[in-house]
Structure formats: structure tokens, C-alpha cells
Amino acid sequence: MQMDNPFFLQKEIEIQGYDIDYGGVVSNIVYIRWMDDLRTALLKDHYSLALMAKNGLAPVVNKTHAHYKRPALFGDSLIAKIRITMLEKIRWEVQVEITKNGGETVFTAVQSGAFVNLKNGRPVPVPAILADKWKEYQTVL
């Protein structure tokens, strides 16, 4: 994942007590919540969810492929990376990787979805503010 990509975000994750199961292992559903948190944080710099909602739009997930590679334990230091890998007419896709601070991958996922009109729930084109930034980034590659 490229650090100079404006559609890339890296952040540390601190495992909380409510993230773990009875064995001290991060629960599988927590990774999905972290993906949502990462998408929200990444979009905030481009087109925040609050502004989207004000404009009657929202991103929705239609597919998640998750790979739980190794357990993360309470007390582990985690680094999460997310990047947008595709923005086309009405679809988007992100890739996520979560590693232990030492570099060992614990989780990877690919998630896709669309943008919808909040009034009728119908898909709409990728918002121009995102599509334009994406096109600009693609020309730099």
C-alpha cells in the first residue's frame, strides 16, 4: 500500500476490553467494525459522511471478503491500512490490512459497495468530488 496515495490511510489501533472474547482474542466482528471506522476516517479527508448525508447520499457495503490470518490478542499493538482500489461509475472497492506492530499480518479484507440516494435507496454515480480526485490521482500514477 502506497504512502503517497491520497486514497490511503494508516493508523494505530488500540485493542479495547470490549474488543476481545473470553479467550483474550479480538472477536471476528470487531475487524468489520474497524473497517467501517477506517472507511469513515479515509472519506473524512475527501467527502465526509456528514456532508454526504446532508446531500442525501451514503456509501453502502454489498460485499466483504475477510481473511482472519492470525489472532490478535489484548495488549497487541496493531497497525491498520486501508486504501481505495477502485472508484467507477457507481461502485467502490477498498482493501484493508491489519498487522501486528512487528509486521505479522493478522487480517486482510476486500470490501465493495456503492453510493445510494438516501430518499429512495437507489444507487447513484460516485459523487463528483470523489470521482474527480480519483481521476486526478490516476493520471499521476
N, C-alpha and C. Protein backbone atom coordinates (compact mmCIF):
# COMPACT_ATOMS: atom_id res chain seq x y z
N MET A 1 0.84 -1.18 0.00
CA MET A 1 0.00 0.00 0.00
C MET A 1 0.89 1.24 0.00
N GLN A 2 0.60 2.16 -0.89
CA GLN A 2 1.46 3.32 -1.08
C GLN A 2 1.15 4.42 -0.07
N MET A 3 2.22 4.99 0.50
CA MET A 3 2.07 6.05 1.48
C MET A 3 1.73 7.39 0.82
N ASP A 4 2.09 7.60 -0.46
CA ASP A 4 1.83 8.87 -1.14
C ASP A 4 0.46 8.89 -1.82
N ASN A 5 -0.33 7.90 -1.60
CA ASN A 5 -1.65 7.77 -2.19
C ASN A 5 -2.65 8.57 -1.34
N PRO A 6 -3.35 9.56 -1.92
CA PRO A 6 -4.33 10.32 -1.14
C PRO A 6 -5.54 9.47 -0.74
N PHE A 7 -5.67 8.30 -1.33
CA PHE A 7 -6.76 7.39 -1.00
C PHE A 7 -6.25 6.24 -0.13
N PHE A 8 -5.27 6.54 0.71
CA PHE A 8 -4.64 5.59 1.62
C PHE A 8 -4.62 6.19 3.02
N LEU A 9 -4.86 5.36 4.01
CA LEU A 9 -4.80 5.80 5.40
C LEU A 9 -4.16 4.70 6.23
N GLN A 10 -3.30 5.11 7.13
CA GLN A 10 -2.70 4.17 8.08
C GLN A 10 -2.90 4.72 9.48
N LYS A 11 -3.31 3.86 10.40
CA LYS A 11 -3.48 4.32 11.77
C LYS A 11 -3.26 3.16 12.74
N GLU A 12 -2.89 3.53 13.95
CA GLU A 12 -2.72 2.54 15.01
C GLU A 12 -4.09 2.21 15.59
N ILE A 13 -4.24 0.96 15.97
CA ILE A 13 -5.47 0.52 16.62
C ILE A 13 -5.10 0.03 18.01
N GLU A 14 -5.80 0.55 18.98
CA GLU A 14 -5.62 0.09 20.36
C GLU A 14 -6.77 -0.86 20.69
N ILE A 15 -6.43 -2.08 21.03
CA ILE A 15 -7.44 -3.08 21.37
C ILE A 15 -8.03 -2.74 22.73
N GLN A 16 -9.35 -2.66 22.75
CA GLN A 16 -10.08 -2.35 23.98
C GLN A 16 -10.62 -3.63 24.62
N GLY A 17 -10.98 -3.54 25.87
CA GLY A 17 -11.54 -4.69 26.57
C GLY A 17 -12.79 -5.24 25.91
N TYR A 18 -13.60 -4.36 25.33
CA TYR A 18 -14.83 -4.81 24.67
C TYR A 18 -14.58 -5.40 23.28
N ASP A 19 -13.33 -5.40 22.81
CA ASP A 19 -12.99 -5.97 21.51
C ASP A 19 -12.66 -7.46 21.59
N ILE A 20 -12.48 -7.98 22.79
CA ILE A 20 -11.98 -9.34 22.93
C ILE A 20 -13.06 -10.31 23.41
N ASP A 21 -12.82 -11.58 23.12
CA ASP A 21 -13.73 -12.62 23.60
C ASP A 21 -13.20 -13.19 24.91
N TYR A 22 -13.80 -14.25 25.38
CA TYR A 22 -13.43 -14.84 26.67
C TYR A 22 -12.00 -15.35 26.70
N GLY A 23 -11.39 -15.60 25.55
CA GLY A 23 -10.02 -16.09 25.49
C GLY A 23 -8.98 -14.99 25.33
N GLY A 24 -9.41 -13.73 25.34
CA GLY A 24 -8.48 -12.63 25.18
C GLY A 24 -8.12 -12.34 23.73
N VAL A 25 -8.86 -12.96 22.80
CA VAL A 25 -8.62 -12.80 21.36
C VAL A 25 -9.61 -11.78 20.80
N VAL A 26 -9.16 -10.94 19.88
CA VAL A 26 -10.06 -9.99 19.23
C VAL A 26 -11.14 -10.77 18.48
N SER A 27 -12.38 -10.42 18.74
CA SER A 27 -13.53 -11.07 18.12
C SER A 27 -13.57 -10.75 16.62
N ASN A 28 -13.98 -11.72 15.81
CA ASN A 28 -14.01 -11.54 14.36
C ASN A 28 -14.84 -10.33 13.93
N ILE A 29 -15.95 -10.09 14.58
CA ILE A 29 -16.82 -8.98 14.18
C ILE A 29 -16.16 -7.62 14.41
N VAL A 30 -15.21 -7.56 15.32
CA VAL A 30 -14.52 -6.30 15.61
C VAL A 30 -13.74 -5.81 14.39
N TYR A 31 -13.15 -6.74 13.63
CA TYR A 31 -12.41 -6.35 12.44
C TYR A 31 -13.32 -5.64 11.44
N ILE A 32 -14.56 -6.11 11.34
CA ILE A 32 -15.52 -5.48 10.43
C ILE A 32 -15.84 -4.06 10.92
N ARG A 33 -16.00 -3.91 12.23
CA ARG A 33 -16.24 -2.56 12.78
C ARG A 33 -15.04 -1.66 12.51
N TRP A 34 -13.82 -2.20 12.68
CA TRP A 34 -12.63 -1.40 12.40
C TRP A 34 -12.59 -0.98 10.94
N MET A 35 -13.02 -1.88 10.02
CA MET A 35 -13.07 -1.50 8.60
C MET A 35 -13.99 -0.30 8.41
N ASP A 36 -15.13 -0.32 9.06
CA ASP A 36 -16.06 0.80 8.96
C ASP A 36 -15.43 2.08 9.49
N ASP A 37 -14.76 1.98 10.63
CA ASP A 37 -14.06 3.14 11.20
C ASP A 37 -13.00 3.67 10.24
N LEU A 38 -12.26 2.76 9.61
CA LEU A 38 -11.20 3.16 8.67
C LEU A 38 -11.79 3.84 7.43
N ARG A 39 -12.86 3.27 6.87
CA ARG A 39 -13.51 3.90 5.70
C ARG A 39 -13.99 5.29 6.04
N THR A 40 -14.61 5.44 7.21
CA THR A 40 -15.11 6.74 7.63
C THR A 40 -13.97 7.75 7.76
N ALA A 41 -12.86 7.33 8.37
CA ALA A 41 -11.70 8.21 8.55
C ALA A 41 -11.09 8.59 7.20
N LEU A 42 -11.00 7.63 6.29
CA LEU A 42 -10.42 7.91 4.97
C LEU A 42 -11.31 8.88 4.19
N LEU A 43 -12.60 8.67 4.23
CA LEU A 43 -13.51 9.56 3.50
C LEU A 43 -13.55 10.96 4.08
N LYS A 44 -13.29 11.08 5.37
CA LYS A 44 -13.37 12.39 6.03
C LYS A 44 -12.51 13.44 5.34
N ASP A 45 -11.37 13.05 4.81
CA ASP A 45 -10.47 13.98 4.13
C ASP A 45 -10.94 14.35 2.72
N HIS A 46 -11.89 13.59 2.18
CA HIS A 46 -12.32 13.82 0.80
C HIS A 46 -13.78 14.28 0.72
N TYR A 47 -14.65 13.56 1.42
CA TYR A 47 -16.09 13.85 1.38
C TYR A 47 -16.70 13.13 2.58
N SER A 48 -16.84 13.85 3.67
CA SER A 48 -17.24 13.23 4.94
C SER A 48 -18.64 12.63 4.87
N LEU A 49 -18.87 11.65 5.73
CA LEU A 49 -20.19 11.03 5.80
C LEU A 49 -21.25 12.05 6.20
N ALA A 50 -20.89 12.98 7.07
CA ALA A 50 -21.84 14.02 7.48
C ALA A 50 -22.27 14.87 6.29
N LEU A 51 -21.31 15.26 5.45
CA LEU A 51 -21.63 16.06 4.27
C LEU A 51 -22.42 15.23 3.26
N MET A 52 -22.03 13.96 3.10
CA MET A 52 -22.79 13.09 2.20
C MET A 52 -24.25 13.02 2.64
N ALA A 53 -24.46 12.78 3.94
CA ALA A 53 -25.83 12.66 4.46
C ALA A 53 -26.60 13.96 4.24
N LYS A 54 -25.93 15.08 4.45
CA LYS A 54 -26.56 16.38 4.22
C LYS A 54 -27.00 16.53 2.76
N ASN A 55 -26.22 15.91 1.86
CA ASN A 55 -26.52 15.95 0.43
C ASN A 55 -27.41 14.78 -0.01
N GLY A 56 -27.88 13.98 0.96
CA GLY A 56 -28.80 12.90 0.63
C GLY A 56 -28.15 11.65 0.09
N LEU A 57 -26.86 11.46 0.37
CA LEU A 57 -26.12 10.29 -0.14
C LEU A 57 -25.51 9.49 1.00
N ALA A 58 -25.19 8.23 0.70
CA ALA A 58 -24.47 7.39 1.66
C ALA A 58 -23.76 6.27 0.92
N PRO A 59 -22.58 5.88 1.40
CA PRO A 59 -21.94 4.68 0.86
C PRO A 59 -22.54 3.46 1.55
N VAL A 60 -22.79 2.41 0.80
CA VAL A 60 -23.29 1.17 1.38
C VAL A 60 -22.39 0.01 0.94
N VAL A 61 -22.23 -0.94 1.82
CA VAL A 61 -21.41 -2.13 1.56
C VAL A 61 -22.30 -3.21 0.97
N ASN A 62 -21.81 -3.87 -0.09
CA ASN A 62 -22.56 -5.01 -0.62
C ASN A 62 -21.77 -6.31 -0.58
N LYS A 63 -20.47 -6.23 -0.29
CA LYS A 63 -19.68 -7.45 -0.26
C LYS A 63 -18.44 -7.24 0.61
N THR A 64 -18.13 -8.23 1.44
CA THR A 64 -16.92 -8.21 2.25
C THR A 64 -16.27 -9.58 2.18
N HIS A 65 -15.02 -9.62 1.76
CA HIS A 65 -14.21 -10.85 1.79
C HIS A 65 -13.16 -10.65 2.85
N ALA A 66 -13.30 -11.35 3.97
CA ALA A 66 -12.39 -11.18 5.10
C ALA A 66 -11.56 -12.43 5.31
N HIS A 67 -10.28 -12.22 5.61
CA HIS A 67 -9.35 -13.32 5.90
C HIS A 67 -8.73 -13.07 7.26
N TYR A 68 -9.08 -13.93 8.20
CA TYR A 68 -8.53 -13.84 9.55
C TYR A 68 -7.30 -14.74 9.59
N LYS A 69 -6.12 -14.14 9.52
CA LYS A 69 -4.89 -14.90 9.32
C LYS A 69 -4.26 -15.39 10.62
N ARG A 70 -4.24 -14.54 11.62
CA ARG A 70 -3.65 -14.87 12.93
C ARG A 70 -4.46 -14.13 13.99
N PRO A 71 -4.51 -14.68 15.19
CA PRO A 71 -5.25 -13.97 16.23
C PRO A 71 -4.51 -12.73 16.72
N ALA A 72 -5.26 -11.69 16.98
CA ALA A 72 -4.73 -10.51 17.67
C ALA A 72 -5.21 -10.63 19.11
N LEU A 73 -4.30 -10.36 20.03
CA LEU A 73 -4.59 -10.55 21.45
C LEU A 73 -4.63 -9.22 22.17
N PHE A 74 -5.36 -9.19 23.27
CA PHE A 74 -5.40 -8.00 24.10
C PHE A 74 -3.96 -7.62 24.46
N GLY A 75 -3.60 -6.37 24.24
CA GLY A 75 -2.25 -5.90 24.51
C GLY A 75 -1.37 -5.80 23.27
N ASP A 76 -1.78 -6.45 22.16
CA ASP A 76 -1.02 -6.33 20.91
C ASP A 76 -1.12 -4.90 20.37
N SER A 77 -0.05 -4.43 19.75
CA SER A 77 -0.07 -3.15 19.03
C SER A 77 -0.38 -3.46 17.58
N LEU A 78 -1.42 -2.83 17.05
CA LEU A 78 -1.85 -3.10 15.68
C LEU A 78 -1.73 -1.85 14.81
N ILE A 79 -1.39 -2.09 13.53
CA ILE A 79 -1.36 -1.04 12.52
C ILE A 79 -2.38 -1.42 11.45
N ALA A 80 -3.30 -0.52 11.16
CA ALA A 80 -4.32 -0.76 10.14
C ALA A 80 -4.05 0.12 8.94
N LYS A 81 -4.20 -0.47 7.76
CA LYS A 81 -4.04 0.26 6.50
C LYS A 81 -5.27 0.03 5.64
N ILE A 82 -5.76 1.10 5.04
CA ILE A 82 -6.88 1.00 4.11
C ILE A 82 -6.55 1.83 2.89
N ARG A 83 -6.96 1.33 1.74
CA ARG A 83 -6.82 2.13 0.53
C ARG A 83 -7.99 1.84 -0.40
N ILE A 84 -8.38 2.88 -1.09
CA ILE A 84 -9.40 2.71 -2.13
C ILE A 84 -8.68 2.16 -3.35
N THR A 85 -9.18 1.05 -3.87
CA THR A 85 -8.54 0.43 -5.03
C THR A 85 -9.35 0.61 -6.31
N MET A 86 -10.61 1.04 -6.15
CA MET A 86 -11.44 1.22 -7.33
C MET A 86 -12.58 2.19 -7.03
N LEU A 87 -12.76 3.13 -7.93
CA LEU A 87 -13.94 4.00 -7.96
C LEU A 87 -14.36 4.05 -9.41
N GLU A 88 -15.50 3.48 -9.72
CA GLU A 88 -16.00 3.57 -11.08
C GLU A 88 -17.46 3.95 -11.03
N LYS A 89 -18.09 4.07 -12.13
CA LYS A 89 -19.44 4.64 -12.26
C LYS A 89 -20.26 4.70 -10.97
N ILE A 90 -20.63 3.55 -10.44
CA ILE A 90 -21.42 3.57 -9.20
C ILE A 90 -20.80 2.70 -8.11
N ARG A 91 -19.65 2.12 -8.36
CA ARG A 91 -19.06 1.17 -7.42
C ARG A 91 -17.76 1.68 -6.83
N TRP A 92 -17.47 1.18 -5.64
CA TRP A 92 -16.18 1.45 -4.99
C TRP A 92 -15.66 0.16 -4.38
N GLU A 93 -14.35 0.12 -4.16
CA GLU A 93 -13.72 -1.03 -3.51
C GLU A 93 -12.58 -0.55 -2.64
N VAL A 94 -12.43 -1.16 -1.47
CA VAL A 94 -11.31 -0.86 -0.58
C VAL A 94 -10.62 -2.16 -0.19
N GLN A 95 -9.32 -2.03 0.12
CA GLN A 95 -8.54 -3.13 0.68
C GLN A 95 -8.06 -2.71 2.05
N VAL A 96 -8.10 -3.65 2.97
CA VAL A 96 -7.66 -3.40 4.34
C VAL A 96 -6.64 -4.45 4.74
N GLU A 97 -5.63 -4.01 5.46
CA GLU A 97 -4.65 -4.93 6.04
C GLU A 97 -4.39 -4.47 7.47
N ILE A 98 -4.44 -5.39 8.40
CA ILE A 98 -4.11 -5.10 9.80
C ILE A 98 -2.96 -6.00 10.20
N THR A 99 -1.91 -5.37 10.71
CA THR A 99 -0.72 -6.12 11.11
C THR A 99 -0.39 -5.83 12.57
N LYS A 100 0.33 -6.79 13.16
CA LYS A 100 0.91 -6.50 14.46
C LYS A 100 2.06 -5.55 14.22
N ASN A 101 2.43 -4.79 15.22
CA ASN A 101 3.47 -3.78 15.06
C ASN A 101 4.77 -4.37 14.52
N GLY A 102 5.01 -5.64 14.74
CA GLY A 102 6.20 -6.29 14.21
C GLY A 102 6.09 -6.67 12.75
N GLY A 103 4.93 -6.46 12.14
CA GLY A 103 4.75 -6.72 10.72
C GLY A 103 3.94 -7.95 10.39
N GLU A 104 3.62 -8.80 11.35
CA GLU A 104 2.87 -10.02 11.09
C GLU A 104 1.41 -9.67 10.76
N THR A 105 0.94 -10.11 9.59
CA THR A 105 -0.42 -9.82 9.16
C THR A 105 -1.41 -10.66 9.95
N VAL A 106 -2.42 -10.00 10.52
CA VAL A 106 -3.45 -10.72 11.26
C VAL A 106 -4.79 -10.73 10.51
N PHE A 107 -5.00 -9.76 9.60
CA PHE A 107 -6.29 -9.65 8.93
C PHE A 107 -6.12 -8.92 7.61
N THR A 108 -6.77 -9.43 6.57
CA THR A 108 -6.87 -8.72 5.30
C THR A 108 -8.32 -8.82 4.83
N ALA A 109 -8.73 -7.85 4.04
CA ALA A 109 -10.09 -7.88 3.52
C ALA A 109 -10.20 -7.00 2.29
N VAL A 110 -11.16 -7.35 1.47
CA VAL A 110 -11.58 -6.52 0.34
C VAL A 110 -13.07 -6.30 0.53
N GLN A 111 -13.47 -5.06 0.41
CA GLN A 111 -14.87 -4.71 0.60
C GLN A 111 -15.31 -3.84 -0.57
N SER A 112 -16.53 -4.07 -1.04
CA SER A 112 -17.04 -3.26 -2.14
C SER A 112 -18.45 -2.78 -1.83
N GLY A 113 -18.85 -1.77 -2.56
CA GLY A 113 -20.17 -1.21 -2.36
C GLY A 113 -20.50 -0.17 -3.40
N ALA A 114 -21.49 0.63 -3.07
CA ALA A 114 -21.97 1.66 -3.98
C ALA A 114 -22.40 2.87 -3.15
N PHE A 115 -22.74 3.92 -3.82
CA PHE A 115 -23.34 5.09 -3.18
C PHE A 115 -24.83 5.07 -3.51
N VAL A 116 -25.63 5.44 -2.52
CA VAL A 116 -27.08 5.42 -2.74
C VAL A 116 -27.70 6.75 -2.35
N ASN A 117 -28.85 7.01 -2.96
CA ASN A 117 -29.69 8.15 -2.61
C ASN A 117 -30.45 7.75 -1.34
N LEU A 118 -30.33 8.55 -0.29
CA LEU A 118 -30.97 8.21 0.99
C LEU A 118 -32.49 8.25 0.94
N LYS A 119 -33.06 9.01 0.01
CA LYS A 119 -34.52 9.11 -0.07
C LYS A 119 -35.14 7.85 -0.66
N ASN A 120 -34.50 7.29 -1.70
CA ASN A 120 -35.12 6.15 -2.37
C ASN A 120 -34.29 4.87 -2.31
N GLY A 121 -33.08 4.95 -1.76
CA GLY A 121 -32.24 3.76 -1.63
C GLY A 121 -31.63 3.26 -2.93
N ARG A 122 -31.79 4.02 -3.99
CA ARG A 122 -31.27 3.62 -5.31
C ARG A 122 -29.82 4.03 -5.48
N PRO A 123 -29.05 3.21 -6.20
CA PRO A 123 -27.65 3.58 -6.48
C PRO A 123 -27.56 4.87 -7.28
N VAL A 124 -26.50 5.62 -7.00
CA VAL A 124 -26.21 6.86 -7.73
C VAL A 124 -24.75 6.81 -8.16
N PRO A 125 -24.37 7.63 -9.12
CA PRO A 125 -22.96 7.67 -9.53
C PRO A 125 -22.06 8.08 -8.36
N VAL A 126 -20.81 7.65 -8.44
CA VAL A 126 -19.82 8.09 -7.45
C VAL A 126 -19.86 9.61 -7.41
N PRO A 127 -19.96 10.21 -6.23
CA PRO A 127 -20.01 11.68 -6.15
C PRO A 127 -18.84 12.32 -6.90
N ALA A 128 -19.13 13.39 -7.61
CA ALA A 128 -18.14 14.07 -8.45
C ALA A 128 -16.89 14.46 -7.67
N ILE A 129 -17.05 14.90 -6.43
CA ILE A 129 -15.90 15.33 -5.64
C ILE A 129 -14.90 14.18 -5.46
N LEU A 130 -15.41 12.95 -5.33
CA LEU A 130 -14.53 11.78 -5.22
C LEU A 130 -14.03 11.34 -6.59
N ALA A 131 -14.93 11.30 -7.56
CA ALA A 131 -14.56 10.86 -8.91
C ALA A 131 -13.47 11.75 -9.50
N ASP A 132 -13.58 13.05 -9.31
CA ASP A 132 -12.58 13.98 -9.84
C ASP A 132 -11.23 13.79 -9.18
N LYS A 133 -11.22 13.64 -7.85
CA LYS A 133 -9.95 13.41 -7.15
C LYS A 133 -9.34 12.08 -7.57
N TRP A 134 -10.18 11.07 -7.77
CA TRP A 134 -9.70 9.75 -8.20
C TRP A 134 -9.06 9.84 -9.58
N LYS A 135 -9.72 10.52 -10.52
CA LYS A 135 -9.16 10.69 -11.87
C LYS A 135 -7.83 11.41 -11.82
N GLU A 136 -7.75 12.45 -11.00
CA GLU A 136 -6.51 13.21 -10.86
C GLU A 136 -5.40 12.31 -10.32
N TYR A 137 -5.71 11.51 -9.32
CA TYR A 137 -4.72 10.59 -8.75
C TYR A 137 -4.28 9.56 -9.79
N GLN A 138 -5.22 9.04 -10.57
CA GLN A 138 -4.89 8.03 -11.58
C GLN A 138 -3.96 8.57 -12.66
N THR A 139 -4.06 9.85 -12.98
CA THR A 139 -3.18 10.42 -14.01
C THR A 139 -1.75 10.59 -13.50
N VAL A 140 -1.58 10.66 -12.18
CA VAL A 140 -0.25 10.81 -11.59
C VAL A 140 0.49 9.48 -11.58
N LEU A 141 -0.25 8.38 -11.54
CA LEU A 141 0.38 7.05 -11.45
C LEU A 141 1.23 6.73 -12.63
